[in-house]
Amino acid sequence: MAVTPKRFEITGEVTESLPNNMYRVKVRDNRMLLCTIVYKMTRRRIKVVPGDSVIVEVAPNDLTRGRIVYRGVRKQDSDNNE
């Protein structure tokens, strides 16, 4: 039986929404990841929009792609609060 490598989680911010439920996520070390949503979020109709903070699950064998497993709160603009 093959041993699957452990995945690790990174926090980031969605910068761009692409077709087919794909998103560009900027993580804290200024890398851009190409991410998709896990099926559980699609099934529960959880929407992800640019500006949302998310938790991305990344496999160690491909550090440029990931899966969005959690959506946090959206950052508020300081201009809207005035």
Protein backbone atom coordinates (compact mmCIF):
# COMPACT_ATOMS: atom_id res chain seq x y z
CA MET A 1 0.00 0.00 0.00
CA ALA A 2 1.35 3.43 -0.92
CA VAL A 3 1.92 5.97 1.79
CA THR A 4 0.34 9.34 1.04
CA PRO A 5 2.29 12.43 2.12
CA LYS A 6 0.79 14.59 4.85
CA ARG A 7 -0.85 17.82 3.76
CA PHE A 8 -0.27 21.06 5.63
CA GLU A 9 -2.43 24.15 6.01
CA ILE A 10 -1.57 27.75 5.13
CA THR A 11 -3.65 30.88 5.66
CA GLY A 12 -4.02 33.31 2.79
CA GLU A 13 -6.26 35.80 1.03
CA VAL A 14 -8.23 35.27 -2.19
CA THR A 15 -7.03 37.76 -4.81
CA GLU A 16 -8.79 36.56 -7.97
CA SER A 17 -11.76 34.39 -8.91
CA LEU A 18 -11.25 32.22 -12.00
CA PRO A 19 -13.64 29.97 -13.97
CA ASN A 20 -14.53 26.44 -12.79
CA ASN A 21 -14.35 27.24 -9.05
CA MET A 22 -10.65 28.06 -9.22
CA TYR A 23 -9.11 30.89 -7.20
CA ARG A 24 -5.75 32.64 -6.87
CA VAL A 25 -4.72 32.85 -3.23
CA LYS A 26 -1.88 34.97 -1.90
CA VAL A 27 -0.21 33.40 1.14
CA ARG A 28 1.83 35.27 3.72
CA ASP A 29 5.24 34.72 2.06
CA ASN A 30 3.93 36.46 -1.12
CA ARG A 31 3.50 33.25 -3.11
CA MET A 32 0.45 32.82 -5.33
CA LEU A 33 -1.37 29.47 -5.21
CA LEU A 34 -3.95 28.13 -7.65
CA CYS A 35 -6.72 26.69 -5.49
CA THR A 36 -10.06 24.98 -5.78
CA ILE A 37 -12.83 24.52 -3.22
CA VAL A 38 -13.35 21.21 -1.43
CA TYR A 39 -16.57 19.40 -2.30
CA LYS A 40 -18.02 19.97 1.17
CA MET A 41 -18.03 23.75 0.63
CA THR A 42 -19.55 23.40 -2.85
CA ARG A 43 -22.28 21.12 -1.55
CA ARG A 44 -23.18 23.54 1.24
CA ARG A 45 -23.11 26.48 -1.22
CA ILE A 46 -20.42 28.43 0.63
CA LYS A 47 -19.35 31.32 -1.59
CA VAL A 48 -15.76 32.55 -1.79
CA VAL A 49 -15.10 36.02 -3.17
CA PRO A 50 -11.89 38.05 -3.61
CA GLY A 51 -10.86 39.59 -0.32
CA ASP A 52 -11.83 36.59 1.83
CA SER A 53 -9.26 35.10 4.16
CA VAL A 54 -9.06 31.34 3.68
CA ILE A 55 -7.23 28.28 4.94
CA VAL A 56 -5.58 26.33 2.12
CA GLU A 57 -4.51 22.69 2.32
CA VAL A 58 -1.31 22.07 0.32
CA ALA A 59 0.42 18.78 -0.54
CA PRO A 60 4.21 18.76 -0.14
CA ASN A 61 4.77 17.36 -3.65
CA ASP A 62 3.14 20.38 -5.43
CA LEU A 63 3.49 23.69 -3.62
CA THR A 64 1.76 25.74 -6.33
CA ARG A 65 -1.72 24.21 -5.98
CA GLY A 66 -4.05 23.77 -3.05
CA ARG A 67 -7.58 23.19 -1.79
CA ILE A 68 -9.57 25.79 0.11
CA VAL A 69 -10.89 24.03 3.21
CA TYR A 70 -12.16 26.99 5.26
CA ARG A 71 -13.38 30.51 4.51
CA GLY A 72 -12.88 33.18 7.16
CA VAL A 73 -14.32 36.64 7.43
CA ARG A 74 -13.78 39.22 4.71
CA LYS A 75 -11.54 42.19 5.50
CA GLN A 76 -13.44 45.47 5.71
CA ASP A 77 -12.26 48.54 3.81
CA SER A 78 -11.36 51.47 6.02
CA ASP A 79 -13.01 53.84 3.52
CA ASN A 80 -16.45 52.28 4.04
CA ASN A 81 -16.36 52.82 7.82
CA GLU A 82 -16.21 56.62 7.62
